[in-house]
Amino acid sequence: MTIVTADLYDERGEQFDSCDLQLRQYGGRRAFSGRIVTVRCHEDNVLLKSVLAEPGEGRVLVVDGGASLRCAVMGDVIAGMAVTNGWAGVVINGAVRDVVALGELDLGIKALGSNPRKSRKQGAGERDVPVTFGNAVFSPGAELFSDDDGILVTRAQRTA
C-alpha cells in the first residue's frame, strides 16, 4: 500500500492532527505508517534504545527530544536494531547522526536535523505518555501516517 498523506487528509481530514513541524527525511523508507509508541527523553537515548530492542510489529516510535539539536539520540546502530526488530519508523523531535547510513536502511526516519555528537547514557525519560510537537498530539496506540508531504496522526478520542 502506498501512503499518500495529502489524499488521506482530503478523505478524512477531520480525523487527523497534521504535524506542522518541518522534519527531514533520513531513512530509506520514505513512506511509513503504524501504531504509535512514545518516548520523551532529552539528550539521552537509553530509553529509546531499549524500546527499539523490543519487537516492533510494524509500529512507529515517536520521540520527543525537546527539539534539541545539541546531540543525536539515534544513529545507524540503533536504527539498524529497529529494522531487525520490525519497526516501521521513528519520528524524532531532535537530532540523528550517521545520516548516510540511515538512508540505506529500510526504516522510516524523520528528525529535526543531525549532529555527530552522541547523547548521554543516563536512562532518563518517560515511555508511553502523550507527547505534543508541531501542533499534533502523538498518543500511544494512535495511528501515524508519514510520507514526503508530512505526518498525520489520528486524533485521540475526545470526551464531552
Protein backbone atom coordinates (compact mmCIF):
# COMPACT_ATOMS: atom_id res chain seq x y z
CA MET A 1 0.00 0.00 0.00
CA THR A 2 1.34 3.42 -0.95
CA ILE A 3 0.73 6.08 1.67
CA VAL A 4 -0.27 9.48 0.32
CA THR A 5 -0.94 11.77 3.26
CA ALA A 6 -2.45 14.55 1.11
CA ASP A 7 -5.08 12.17 -0.26
CA LEU A 8 -5.69 10.69 3.17
CA TYR A 9 -6.22 14.16 4.60
CA ASP A 10 -8.60 15.07 1.75
CA GLU A 11 -10.66 11.95 2.51
CA ARG A 12 -10.65 12.01 6.32
CA GLY A 13 -9.03 15.27 7.45
CA GLU A 14 -11.26 15.78 10.48
CA GLN A 15 -9.90 12.53 11.93
CA PHE A 16 -6.26 13.70 11.95
CA ASP A 17 -3.81 16.08 13.52
CA SER A 18 -1.25 17.27 10.99
CA CYS A 19 2.25 17.81 12.36
CA ASP A 20 3.41 21.20 11.09
CA LEU A 21 6.99 20.80 12.32
CA GLN A 22 9.22 20.60 9.24
CA LEU A 23 11.02 17.33 9.90
CA ARG A 24 13.59 15.99 7.42
CA GLN A 25 13.57 12.51 5.88
CA TYR A 26 16.60 10.41 6.86
CA GLY A 27 15.56 6.78 6.41
CA GLY A 28 15.48 4.65 3.30
CA ARG A 29 11.72 4.10 3.68
CA ARG A 30 10.16 7.41 2.64
CA ALA A 31 6.53 6.47 3.41
CA PHE A 32 5.52 4.54 6.52
CA SER A 33 2.69 4.07 8.96
CA GLY A 34 1.91 2.23 12.16
CA ARG A 35 0.63 2.35 15.72
CA ILE A 36 2.45 4.84 17.91
CA VAL A 37 4.73 4.10 20.85
CA THR A 38 6.14 7.19 22.57
CA VAL A 39 9.27 8.19 24.43
CA ARG A 40 10.08 11.56 25.98
CA CYS A 41 13.80 11.99 26.56
CA HIS A 42 16.20 14.92 26.44
CA GLU A 43 19.71 14.34 25.08
CA ASP A 44 19.67 10.77 26.44
CA ASN A 45 18.95 7.69 24.31
CA VAL A 46 18.95 4.77 26.77
CA LEU A 47 15.14 4.52 26.91
CA LEU A 48 14.81 4.97 23.13
CA LYS A 49 17.30 2.15 22.57
CA SER A 50 15.53 -0.19 24.98
CA VAL A 51 12.17 0.36 23.24
CA LEU A 52 13.64 -0.29 19.78
CA ALA A 53 15.19 -3.51 21.12
CA GLU A 54 11.64 -4.88 21.51
CA PRO A 55 9.65 -6.44 18.66
CA GLY A 56 8.31 -3.52 16.64
CA GLU A 57 5.43 -5.36 14.95
CA GLY A 58 5.20 -2.55 12.37
CA ARG A 59 4.85 0.20 14.96
CA VAL A 60 6.30 3.72 14.88
CA LEU A 61 8.33 5.16 17.73
CA VAL A 62 7.68 8.88 18.30
CA VAL A 63 10.43 10.54 20.34
CA ASP A 64 10.02 13.95 21.93
CA GLY A 65 13.60 15.05 22.40
CA GLY A 66 12.61 18.60 23.30
CA ALA A 67 13.70 19.85 19.85
CA SER A 68 17.34 19.58 20.93
CA LEU A 69 19.91 19.60 18.14
CA ARG A 70 22.81 19.61 20.63
CA CYS A 71 23.35 15.85 20.26
CA ALA A 72 21.92 12.88 18.37
CA VAL A 73 19.60 10.44 20.11
CA MET A 74 19.75 7.86 17.30
CA GLY A 75 22.41 6.71 14.85
CA ASP A 76 22.93 3.81 12.50
CA VAL A 77 23.47 1.13 15.15
CA ILE A 78 20.20 1.78 16.99
CA ALA A 79 18.31 2.34 13.72
CA GLY A 80 19.69 -0.97 12.42
CA MET A 81 18.36 -2.66 15.55
CA ALA A 82 14.93 -1.12 14.82
CA VAL A 83 14.99 -2.62 11.31
CA THR A 84 15.97 -6.05 12.65
CA ASN A 85 13.16 -5.90 15.21
CA GLY A 86 10.43 -4.96 12.72
CA TRP A 87 9.75 -1.28 13.43
CA ALA A 88 8.17 0.70 10.57
CA GLY A 89 9.61 4.06 11.53
CA VAL A 90 10.95 6.54 14.05
CA VAL A 91 9.92 10.20 14.30
CA ILE A 92 12.29 12.32 16.40
CA ASN A 93 11.73 15.85 17.66
CA GLY A 94 15.51 16.12 17.92
CA ALA A 95 18.65 15.03 16.10
CA VAL A 96 20.11 11.89 14.49
CA ARG A 97 23.61 11.04 13.27
CA ASP A 98 25.20 8.71 10.69
CA VAL A 99 22.84 10.17 8.08
CA VAL A 100 24.38 8.43 5.05
CA ALA A 101 24.00 5.03 6.71
CA LEU A 102 20.45 5.87 7.86
CA GLY A 103 19.48 6.50 4.25
CA GLU A 104 20.41 2.91 3.38
CA LEU A 105 18.10 1.34 5.99
CA ASP A 106 14.59 0.08 5.26
CA LEU A 107 13.16 2.24 8.03
CA GLY A 108 11.19 5.45 8.03
CA ILE A 109 13.16 8.09 9.92
CA LYS A 110 12.19 11.72 10.36
CA ALA A 111 14.05 14.16 12.59
CA LEU A 112 14.73 17.88 13.00
CA GLY A 113 18.35 17.63 11.95
CA SER A 114 21.66 15.92 12.56
CA ASN A 115 24.66 16.25 14.85
CA PRO A 116 27.67 13.91 15.15
CA ARG A 117 27.76 14.31 18.95
CA LYS A 118 26.33 11.28 20.78
CA SER A 119 23.83 11.57 23.60
CA ARG A 120 24.17 10.93 27.31
CA LYS A 121 23.55 7.45 28.68
CA GLN A 122 21.74 8.04 31.98
CA GLY A 123 18.40 6.40 31.25
CA ALA A 124 16.29 9.49 31.89
CA GLY A 125 12.90 9.82 30.24
CA GLU A 126 9.31 8.61 30.06
CA ARG A 127 7.60 5.99 27.95
CA ASP A 128 4.03 5.62 26.67
CA VAL A 129 2.93 9.15 27.51
CA PRO A 130 1.21 11.53 25.08
CA VAL A 131 3.74 13.90 23.51
CA THR A 132 2.99 17.07 21.60
CA PHE A 133 5.02 18.90 18.98
CA GLY A 134 4.25 20.59 15.70
CA ASN A 135 0.65 21.22 16.88
CA ALA A 136 -0.02 17.47 16.87
CA VAL A 137 -0.67 15.14 19.78
CA PHE A 138 1.03 11.75 19.49
CA SER A 139 -0.78 9.34 21.82
CA PRO A 140 0.35 5.77 22.41
CA GLY A 141 -1.75 3.45 20.25
CA ALA A 142 -2.85 6.14 17.79
CA GLU A 143 -2.10 5.59 14.10
CA LEU A 144 0.62 7.61 12.33
CA PHE A 145 0.97 8.08 8.56
CA SER A 146 4.09 9.68 7.08
CA ASP A 147 5.40 10.47 3.60
CA ASP A 148 7.31 13.28 1.87
CA ASP A 149 4.42 15.70 2.45
CA GLY A 150 4.38 15.28 6.21
CA ILE A 151 2.86 13.43 9.13
CA LEU A 152 -0.76 12.73 10.05
CA VAL A 153 -1.78 11.20 13.36
CA THR A 154 -5.24 10.00 14.37
CA ARG A 155 -6.75 12.25 16.97
CA ALA A 156 -7.29 10.96 20.47
CA GLN A 157 -10.89 10.30 21.40
CA ARG A 158 -12.31 13.45 22.94
CA THR A 159 -14.83 13.10 25.72
CA ALA A 160 -17.60 15.61 26.42
